[in-house]
Amino acid sequence: MIWWSPGRAITLSEITGCGKPAILIPYPYATAEHQKYNAQVLEKNGAAILIEEKNLQQLKLISKAGELFKEEQKLKQMSDHSKKLGKPEALNEILSETENFLKTKAA
C-alpha cells in the first residue's frame, strides 16, 4: 500500500507507526516549510518518496506510483525503513514520563 500524504507530523507518525511506504507531497505554504523537512526525513531514510507540489504533475505521480506497485521488493524495503522510524509506543512513553514527573513534584 502506498500512502499519498502531506508531510504533517501526525500523519507521518501514523505512517511510520504502521510501517507503510509513502509518496509525500507536502503543503508548500506551511510555516518554515516544516512539512517538507518532515517528509525529507522519511525520504532520506528510504521510507518515502517526496514530490514537491511545484514539481507535481499528474502523470509523474501516476508513473511513480505505478513503478512502485511493480517493485514489490522496493515497497517491502520502504515499509521496513518506515517501521524502523516509527515510535508506536510514544504515547505510553509520554504518559509514563509525565506520571513520573508529577510524582516527583508531589513528593
Protein backbone atom coordinates (compact mmCIF):
# COMPACT_ATOMS: atom_id res chain seq x y z
CA MET A 1 0.00 0.00 0.00
CA ILE A 2 1.21 3.50 -0.81
CA TRP A 3 0.05 6.45 1.23
CA TRP A 4 -0.17 9.75 -0.53
CA SER A 5 0.07 12.38 2.11
CA PRO A 6 1.25 15.81 3.09
CA GLY A 7 4.24 15.95 5.42
CA ARG A 8 2.25 16.65 8.59
CA ALA A 9 3.95 15.25 11.67
CA ILE A 10 0.88 13.39 12.93
CA THR A 11 0.33 11.81 9.52
CA LEU A 12 3.97 10.79 9.32
CA SER A 13 3.82 9.27 12.78
CA GLU A 14 0.83 7.20 11.67
CA ILE A 15 2.61 6.10 8.50
CA THR A 16 5.79 5.08 10.33
CA GLY A 17 3.87 3.57 13.22
CA CYS A 18 2.20 1.24 10.72
CA GLY A 19 5.38 0.78 8.70
CA LYS A 20 3.86 1.95 5.41
CA PRO A 21 5.76 3.21 2.38
CA ALA A 22 4.57 6.60 1.18
CA ILE A 23 4.61 9.17 -1.56
CA LEU A 24 4.63 12.50 0.25
CA ILE A 25 3.51 15.82 -1.21
CA PRO A 26 4.00 18.48 1.47
CA TYR A 27 1.91 21.63 1.58
CA PRO A 28 4.23 24.29 0.12
CA TYR A 29 2.89 27.17 2.22
CA ALA A 30 3.37 25.51 5.62
CA THR A 31 5.25 27.65 8.12
CA ALA A 32 9.02 27.48 7.55
CA GLU A 33 8.45 24.58 5.13
CA HIS A 34 8.18 22.21 8.10
CA GLN A 35 6.11 19.68 6.14
CA LYS A 36 8.83 19.48 3.50
CA TYR A 37 11.52 18.96 6.15
CA ASN A 38 9.44 16.29 7.90
CA ALA A 39 8.94 14.48 4.59
CA GLN A 40 12.65 14.74 3.77
CA VAL A 41 13.46 12.72 6.89
CA LEU A 42 11.38 9.82 5.61
CA GLU A 43 12.79 10.17 2.11
CA LYS A 44 16.39 10.30 3.38
CA ASN A 45 15.76 7.13 5.39
CA GLY A 46 14.28 5.25 2.44
CA ALA A 47 10.72 5.16 3.79
CA ALA A 48 9.10 7.56 1.33
CA ILE A 49 9.31 9.38 -1.95
CA LEU A 50 8.97 13.15 -1.76
CA ILE A 51 7.39 15.10 -4.61
CA GLU A 52 7.19 18.84 -4.07
CA GLU A 53 3.94 20.40 -5.25
CA LYS A 54 5.81 22.73 -7.61
CA ASN A 55 7.14 19.60 -9.36
CA LEU A 56 3.87 17.71 -9.18
CA GLN A 57 2.33 16.62 -12.42
CA GLN A 58 -0.49 14.12 -12.59
CA LEU A 59 1.46 11.85 -14.92
CA LYS A 60 4.55 11.97 -12.70
CA LEU A 61 2.55 10.90 -9.65
CA ILE A 62 0.75 8.14 -11.56
CA SER A 63 4.04 7.00 -13.09
CA LYS A 64 5.86 6.94 -9.73
CA ALA A 65 3.03 5.04 -8.04
CA GLY A 66 2.88 2.60 -10.96
CA GLU A 67 6.63 1.97 -10.75
CA LEU A 68 6.37 1.24 -7.04
CA PHE A 69 3.48 -1.18 -7.45
CA LYS A 70 5.64 -3.15 -9.89
CA GLU A 71 8.60 -3.20 -7.50
CA GLU A 72 7.41 -5.40 -4.65
CA GLN A 73 10.90 -5.62 -3.13
CA LYS A 74 11.26 -1.82 -3.14
CA LEU A 75 7.90 -1.46 -1.36
CA LYS A 76 8.99 -4.04 1.21
CA GLN A 77 12.25 -2.16 1.81
CA MET A 78 10.41 1.17 2.15
CA SER A 79 7.99 -0.46 4.57
CA ASP A 80 10.86 -1.85 6.66
CA HIS A 81 12.56 1.56 6.73
CA SER A 82 9.30 3.23 7.67
CA LYS A 83 8.70 0.81 10.53
CA LYS A 84 12.22 1.48 11.88
CA LEU A 85 11.38 5.19 12.06
CA GLY A 86 8.07 4.58 13.81
CA LYS A 87 7.54 5.06 17.52
CA PRO A 88 4.34 3.11 18.22
CA GLU A 89 4.92 3.27 21.99
CA ALA A 90 5.41 7.06 22.04
CA LEU A 91 2.12 7.80 23.80
CA ASN A 92 2.85 5.28 26.55
CA GLU A 93 6.34 6.72 27.00
CA ILE A 94 4.98 10.28 27.23
CA LEU A 95 2.36 9.24 29.76
CA SER A 96 4.92 7.35 31.82
CA GLU A 97 7.34 10.28 31.85
CA THR A 98 4.52 12.67 32.75
CA GLU A 99 3.41 10.41 35.59
CA ASN A 100 6.98 10.16 36.92
CA PHE A 101 7.39 13.91 36.71
CA LEU A 102 4.14 14.53 38.60
CA LYS A 103 5.10 12.01 41.28
CA THR A 104 8.43 13.76 41.79
CA LYS A 105 6.77 17.18 42.07
CA ALA A 106 4.15 15.86 44.53
CA ALA A 107 6.80 14.36 46.83
